[in-house]
Amino acid sequence: MNTAVAVLGALLSALCFGVGSVLQHQAARRASTRKALRLRLLVDLARRPMWVAGTALSIVSFAFLALALAFGPLVLVLPLAAMDLLFALPLLAWRRREPLTRVEAAGMVCTAGGVAVFLTALPSSSSDSVATVRDWVPSLAVFTGVVLLLAPLGARVPGRVRTASYAVCAALMLALLDGLTKSTAGRIRADGLGILFHWEPYALMTVGVTSLVLSQSAFQAGSLAIALPIIDTLEPIGAVAIGVAVFGEQLALTTWALTVQMVGAGAAVTGIVLLGRSPLAEE
């Protein structure tokens, strides 16, 4: 455990993901809707320099996230990494030469303050860096089951419902990706090249490609005002749930501390919603 490295890595991950998402969204919105939920969508987007630049930043974001998870628990890292809208919105304001409004500033304060409050009540405890397949089975079944139900629904219903459905699926796959990243990092630290004889890196690659297709399908289907707040809210919630259920991580130890955490989480979600409803995030 190294809290300083975990916090810095998580914040750098949020910065890179926020900027990368803006670039990916602008490129994905120009792609054909007939390629949604297909690998052909990625092939098409790979021809667009803006999307390539955004994806490169997303890869750097993932590297910072892996570094953070190698030194800190999911319950600490993911709330910080979910603050990418704090970086994406000022970039959009700068690109459009528009000042941030009071509502947008309030959203940024709520998000940052809520995450800070949540983390202040977080107990300092160790957790398992890897988990057995048996530990993983319930989470894998629930998350993939929801995705298999929602993705076809999004394909049949256009508009906001499609964007939201794809964004929920992307958030759940990203939460799985976060958990698998932590487990893979733990395996590498323990076994080195022996990681090749474990299942985690192969599951990591499969879930990574799936989450990329789903997130780009969500960006393609509608505005960032719908997709990014859903991802930023559900991904850390899902990752924290995996941290508790799979890795034995702890939230608050007392009722009072848990209440403080819930207030902080509520403030952070409120801030994310306010930021997502900004005209800057709309088409």
Protein backbone atom coordinates (compact mmCIF):
# COMPACT_ATOMS: atom_id res chain seq x y z
CA MET A 1 0.00 0.00 0.00
CA ASN A 2 1.25 3.47 -0.94
CA THR A 3 -1.55 6.02 -0.67
CA ALA A 4 0.39 8.88 -2.31
CA VAL A 5 1.13 6.85 -5.44
CA ALA A 6 -2.46 5.56 -5.58
CA VAL A 7 -3.99 9.05 -5.30
CA LEU A 8 -1.63 10.64 -7.83
CA GLY A 9 -2.14 7.79 -10.30
CA ALA A 10 -5.92 8.01 -9.95
CA LEU A 11 -6.00 11.77 -10.55
CA LEU A 12 -3.73 11.50 -13.59
CA SER A 13 -5.99 8.72 -14.87
CA ALA A 14 -9.03 11.00 -14.50
CA LEU A 15 -7.26 13.82 -16.35
CA CYS A 16 -6.26 11.63 -19.31
CA PHE A 17 -9.65 9.90 -19.49
CA GLY A 18 -11.58 13.18 -19.37
CA VAL A 19 -9.62 14.76 -22.21
CA GLY A 20 -9.57 11.50 -24.19
CA SER A 21 -13.35 11.10 -23.86
CA VAL A 22 -13.96 14.54 -25.36
CA LEU A 23 -11.82 13.69 -28.39
CA GLN A 24 -13.33 10.22 -28.78
CA HIS A 25 -16.87 11.54 -28.53
CA GLN A 26 -16.37 14.18 -31.21
CA ALA A 27 -15.00 11.55 -33.58
CA ALA A 28 -17.53 8.83 -32.71
CA ARG A 29 -20.50 11.10 -33.37
CA ARG A 30 -19.50 11.19 -37.06
CA ALA A 31 -19.53 7.39 -37.44
CA SER A 32 -22.43 5.40 -38.90
CA THR A 33 -24.97 4.18 -36.34
CA ARG A 34 -25.17 0.87 -38.23
CA LYS A 35 -21.76 -0.06 -36.81
CA ALA A 36 -22.75 0.30 -33.16
CA LEU A 37 -21.87 -2.67 -30.89
CA ARG A 38 -19.59 -4.07 -33.60
CA LEU A 39 -15.83 -4.25 -33.96
CA ARG A 40 -16.33 -2.54 -37.35
CA LEU A 41 -17.03 0.64 -35.38
CA LEU A 42 -13.49 0.56 -33.97
CA VAL A 43 -12.06 -0.12 -37.44
CA ASP A 44 -13.91 2.93 -38.79
CA LEU A 45 -12.88 5.15 -35.88
CA ALA A 46 -9.24 4.07 -36.16
CA ARG A 47 -9.09 6.03 -39.43
CA ARG A 48 -9.90 9.27 -37.61
CA PRO A 49 -6.87 11.10 -36.11
CA MET A 50 -8.93 12.75 -33.36
CA TRP A 51 -10.23 9.39 -32.17
CA VAL A 52 -6.74 7.88 -32.28
CA ALA A 53 -5.46 10.74 -30.12
CA GLY A 54 -8.33 10.28 -27.67
CA THR A 55 -7.74 6.54 -27.52
CA ALA A 56 -4.03 7.08 -26.89
CA LEU A 57 -4.95 9.25 -23.91
CA SER A 58 -7.38 6.58 -22.71
CA ILE A 59 -4.57 4.00 -22.86
CA VAL A 60 -2.34 6.32 -20.83
CA SER A 61 -5.27 6.75 -18.43
CA PHE A 62 -5.52 2.98 -18.07
CA ALA A 63 -1.78 2.75 -17.36
CA PHE A 64 -2.08 5.35 -14.58
CA LEU A 65 -5.11 3.49 -13.22
CA ALA A 66 -3.19 0.21 -13.18
CA LEU A 67 -0.36 1.94 -11.30
CA ALA A 68 -2.83 3.35 -8.77
CA LEU A 69 -4.53 -0.02 -8.26
CA ALA A 70 -1.17 -1.72 -7.76
CA PHE A 71 -0.65 0.50 -4.69
CA GLY A 72 -4.17 1.18 -3.44
CA PRO A 73 -7.62 -0.42 -3.05
CA LEU A 74 -10.53 0.01 -5.45
CA VAL A 75 -12.55 1.88 -2.79
CA LEU A 76 -9.85 4.58 -2.74
CA VAL A 77 -8.78 4.75 -6.38
CA LEU A 78 -12.04 4.62 -8.34
CA PRO A 79 -13.87 7.56 -6.68
CA LEU A 80 -10.86 9.72 -7.59
CA ALA A 81 -10.53 8.30 -11.10
CA ALA A 82 -14.22 9.03 -11.74
CA MET A 83 -13.66 12.79 -11.57
CA ASP A 84 -12.80 13.05 -15.28
CA LEU A 85 -15.66 15.51 -15.90
CA LEU A 86 -13.74 18.02 -13.78
CA PHE A 87 -11.10 17.99 -16.51
CA ALA A 88 -13.34 17.42 -19.54
CA LEU A 89 -15.67 20.38 -18.93
CA PRO A 90 -12.97 23.09 -18.70
CA LEU A 91 -11.48 21.68 -21.92
CA LEU A 92 -14.86 21.98 -23.65
CA ALA A 93 -15.24 25.53 -22.32
CA TRP A 94 -11.79 26.46 -23.61
CA ARG A 95 -12.46 24.90 -27.05
CA ARG A 96 -15.72 26.84 -27.39
CA ARG A 97 -14.33 30.01 -25.79
CA GLU A 98 -17.13 30.05 -23.23
CA PRO A 99 -16.73 30.77 -19.49
CA LEU A 100 -17.89 28.26 -16.90
CA THR A 101 -21.24 29.16 -15.33
CA ARG A 102 -22.05 29.21 -11.62
CA VAL A 103 -23.95 25.93 -11.95
CA GLU A 104 -20.94 24.29 -13.60
CA ALA A 105 -18.64 25.66 -10.91
CA ALA A 106 -21.03 24.37 -8.24
CA GLY A 107 -21.00 20.96 -9.93
CA MET A 108 -17.21 20.87 -9.84
CA VAL A 109 -17.19 21.82 -6.14
CA CYS A 110 -19.84 19.19 -5.30
CA THR A 111 -17.98 16.48 -7.18
CA ALA A 112 -14.56 17.21 -5.69
CA GLY A 113 -15.94 17.91 -2.23
CA GLY A 114 -18.15 14.84 -2.21
CA VAL A 115 -15.27 12.55 -3.17
CA ALA A 116 -13.09 14.17 -0.50
CA VAL A 117 -15.76 13.62 2.17
CA PHE A 118 -16.24 10.00 1.05
CA LEU A 119 -12.51 9.31 1.31
CA THR A 120 -12.10 10.97 4.73
CA ALA A 121 -14.37 8.30 6.26
CA LEU A 122 -12.56 5.46 4.48
CA PRO A 123 -10.72 3.18 6.94
CA SER A 124 -7.07 2.43 6.30
CA SER A 125 -7.07 -1.32 5.78
CA SER A 126 -5.30 -3.86 3.65
CA SER A 127 -7.01 -6.09 1.10
CA ASP A 128 -6.21 -9.07 -1.08
CA SER A 129 -4.48 -8.02 -4.29
CA VAL A 130 -5.68 -11.13 -6.12
CA ALA A 131 -8.77 -13.32 -5.82
CA THR A 132 -9.76 -16.83 -6.81
CA VAL A 133 -12.08 -17.67 -9.69
CA ARG A 134 -14.71 -18.68 -7.12
CA ASP A 135 -14.55 -15.18 -5.61
CA TRP A 136 -15.07 -13.67 -9.05
CA VAL A 137 -17.98 -15.81 -10.30
CA PRO A 138 -20.91 -13.87 -8.68
CA SER A 139 -19.65 -10.47 -9.88
CA LEU A 140 -18.88 -11.73 -13.38
CA ALA A 141 -22.32 -13.35 -13.63
CA VAL A 142 -24.25 -10.27 -12.43
CA PHE A 143 -22.37 -7.68 -14.48
CA THR A 144 -22.28 -9.64 -17.74
CA GLY A 145 -25.92 -10.67 -17.26
CA VAL A 146 -27.06 -7.05 -17.02
CA VAL A 147 -25.01 -6.15 -20.11
CA LEU A 148 -26.51 -9.02 -22.11
CA LEU A 149 -30.00 -7.74 -21.21
CA LEU A 150 -29.43 -4.01 -21.77
CA ALA A 151 -27.31 -4.02 -24.94
CA PRO A 152 -30.06 -5.56 -27.14
CA LEU A 153 -32.57 -3.12 -25.62
CA GLY A 154 -30.39 -0.19 -26.62
CA ALA A 155 -30.05 -1.56 -30.14
CA ARG A 156 -33.85 -1.62 -30.55
CA VAL A 157 -34.73 1.75 -28.98
CA PRO A 158 -33.20 4.92 -30.49
CA GLY A 159 -32.49 8.26 -28.86
CA ARG A 160 -31.66 8.86 -25.20
CA VAL A 161 -32.64 5.34 -24.15
CA ARG A 162 -30.08 3.87 -26.53
CA THR A 163 -27.34 6.20 -25.27
CA ALA A 164 -28.19 5.47 -21.64
CA SER A 165 -28.38 1.69 -22.19
CA TYR A 166 -25.00 1.58 -23.89
CA ALA A 167 -23.50 3.85 -21.22
CA VAL A 168 -24.74 1.59 -18.39
CA CYS A 169 -23.26 -1.44 -20.17
CA ALA A 170 -19.97 0.40 -20.70
CA ALA A 171 -19.85 1.44 -17.03
CA LEU A 172 -20.37 -2.13 -15.82
CA MET A 173 -17.70 -3.49 -18.16
CA LEU A 174 -15.32 -0.73 -17.06
CA ALA A 175 -15.97 -1.65 -13.42
CA LEU A 176 -15.07 -5.26 -14.23
CA LEU A 177 -12.01 -3.98 -16.07
CA ASP A 178 -10.95 -2.03 -12.97
CA GLY A 179 -11.24 -5.11 -10.78
CA LEU A 180 -9.38 -7.30 -13.28
CA THR A 181 -6.67 -4.65 -13.56
CA LYS A 182 -6.11 -4.76 -9.81
CA SER A 183 -6.03 -8.54 -9.81
CA THR A 184 -3.65 -8.65 -12.78
CA ALA A 185 -1.34 -6.08 -11.21
CA GLY A 186 -1.27 -8.15 -8.02
CA ARG A 187 -0.43 -11.29 -9.99
CA ILE A 188 2.42 -9.54 -11.80
CA ARG A 189 3.89 -8.26 -8.54
CA ALA A 190 3.67 -11.77 -7.06
CA ASP A 191 4.53 -14.02 -10.03
CA GLY A 192 6.14 -11.84 -12.71
CA LEU A 193 5.96 -13.64 -16.07
CA GLY A 194 4.01 -16.39 -14.34
CA ILE A 195 0.98 -14.18 -14.96
CA LEU A 196 0.77 -15.80 -18.41
CA PHE A 197 -0.41 -19.01 -16.73
CA HIS A 198 -3.32 -17.29 -14.97
CA TRP A 199 -6.74 -16.37 -16.37
CA GLU A 200 -6.77 -12.69 -15.39
CA PRO A 201 -4.79 -11.14 -18.30
CA TYR A 202 -6.93 -12.91 -20.91
CA ALA A 203 -10.15 -11.87 -19.20
CA LEU A 204 -8.67 -8.36 -18.95
CA MET A 205 -8.14 -8.17 -22.72
CA THR A 206 -11.62 -9.53 -23.49
CA VAL A 207 -13.39 -7.17 -21.10
CA GLY A 208 -11.18 -4.28 -22.27
CA VAL A 209 -12.20 -4.66 -25.92
CA THR A 210 -15.85 -5.12 -24.93
CA SER A 211 -15.84 -1.99 -22.76
CA LEU A 212 -14.21 0.00 -25.58
CA VAL A 213 -16.87 -1.04 -28.09
CA LEU A 214 -19.66 -0.25 -25.63
CA SER A 215 -18.26 3.14 -24.58
CA GLN A 216 -17.73 4.24 -28.19
CA SER A 217 -21.23 3.03 -29.07
CA ALA A 218 -22.57 5.20 -26.23
CA PHE A 219 -20.55 8.22 -27.42
CA GLN A 220 -21.78 7.64 -30.96
CA ALA A 221 -25.44 7.29 -29.95
CA GLY A 222 -25.84 10.61 -28.12
CA SER A 223 -24.29 13.50 -26.24
CA LEU A 224 -21.72 13.42 -23.47
CA ALA A 225 -24.40 14.94 -21.23
CA ILE A 226 -26.05 11.51 -21.11
CA ALA A 227 -23.20 9.04 -21.51
CA LEU A 228 -20.40 10.42 -19.36
CA PRO A 229 -22.39 11.10 -16.14
CA ILE A 230 -23.77 7.55 -16.26
CA ILE A 231 -20.30 6.08 -16.74
CA ASP A 232 -18.76 8.33 -14.09
CA THR A 233 -21.45 7.35 -11.57
CA LEU A 234 -21.88 3.63 -12.18
CA GLU A 235 -18.26 2.67 -12.86
CA PRO A 236 -16.94 3.67 -9.41
CA ILE A 237 -20.03 2.22 -7.69
CA GLY A 238 -19.52 -1.07 -9.51
CA ALA A 239 -15.77 -1.06 -8.86
CA VAL A 240 -16.25 -0.34 -5.15
CA ALA A 241 -18.78 -3.20 -4.98
CA ILE A 242 -16.21 -5.51 -6.59
CA GLY A 243 -13.58 -4.28 -4.15
CA VAL A 244 -15.79 -5.21 -1.20
CA ALA A 245 -17.22 -8.47 -2.60
CA VAL A 246 -14.16 -9.89 -4.36
CA PHE A 247 -11.11 -8.41 -2.63
CA GLY A 248 -12.47 -8.02 0.90
CA GLU A 249 -11.98 -4.23 1.00
CA GLN A 250 -13.81 -2.20 3.64
CA LEU A 251 -16.03 0.84 3.60
CA ALA A 252 -16.90 2.67 6.82
CA LEU A 253 -16.55 0.74 10.07
CA THR A 254 -19.27 2.59 12.02
CA THR A 255 -22.79 3.78 11.30
CA TRP A 256 -21.71 7.41 11.64
CA ALA A 257 -18.80 6.99 9.25
CA LEU A 258 -21.02 5.17 6.77
CA THR A 259 -23.50 8.05 6.92
CA VAL A 260 -20.69 10.51 6.17
CA GLN A 261 -19.62 8.36 3.22
CA MET A 262 -23.16 8.22 1.83
CA VAL A 263 -23.49 12.02 2.13
CA GLY A 264 -20.18 12.44 0.31
CA ALA A 265 -21.18 9.96 -2.39
CA GLY A 266 -24.51 11.74 -2.82
CA ALA A 267 -22.80 15.11 -3.19
CA ALA A 268 -20.37 13.67 -5.74
CA VAL A 269 -23.18 12.14 -7.81
CA THR A 270 -25.11 15.43 -7.65
CA GLY A 271 -22.02 17.25 -8.90
CA ILE A 272 -21.55 14.78 -11.75
CA VAL A 273 -25.19 15.22 -12.80
CA LEU A 274 -24.84 19.02 -12.73
CA LEU A 275 -21.71 18.85 -14.84
CA GLY A 276 -23.30 16.40 -17.25
CA ARG A 277 -26.29 18.71 -17.76
CA SER A 278 -24.05 21.58 -18.75
CA PRO A 279 -24.68 22.99 -22.25
CA LEU A 280 -20.98 22.40 -22.86
CA ALA A 281 -21.60 18.65 -22.76
CA GLU A 282 -24.58 18.83 -25.13
CA GLU A 283 -24.33 18.61 -28.88
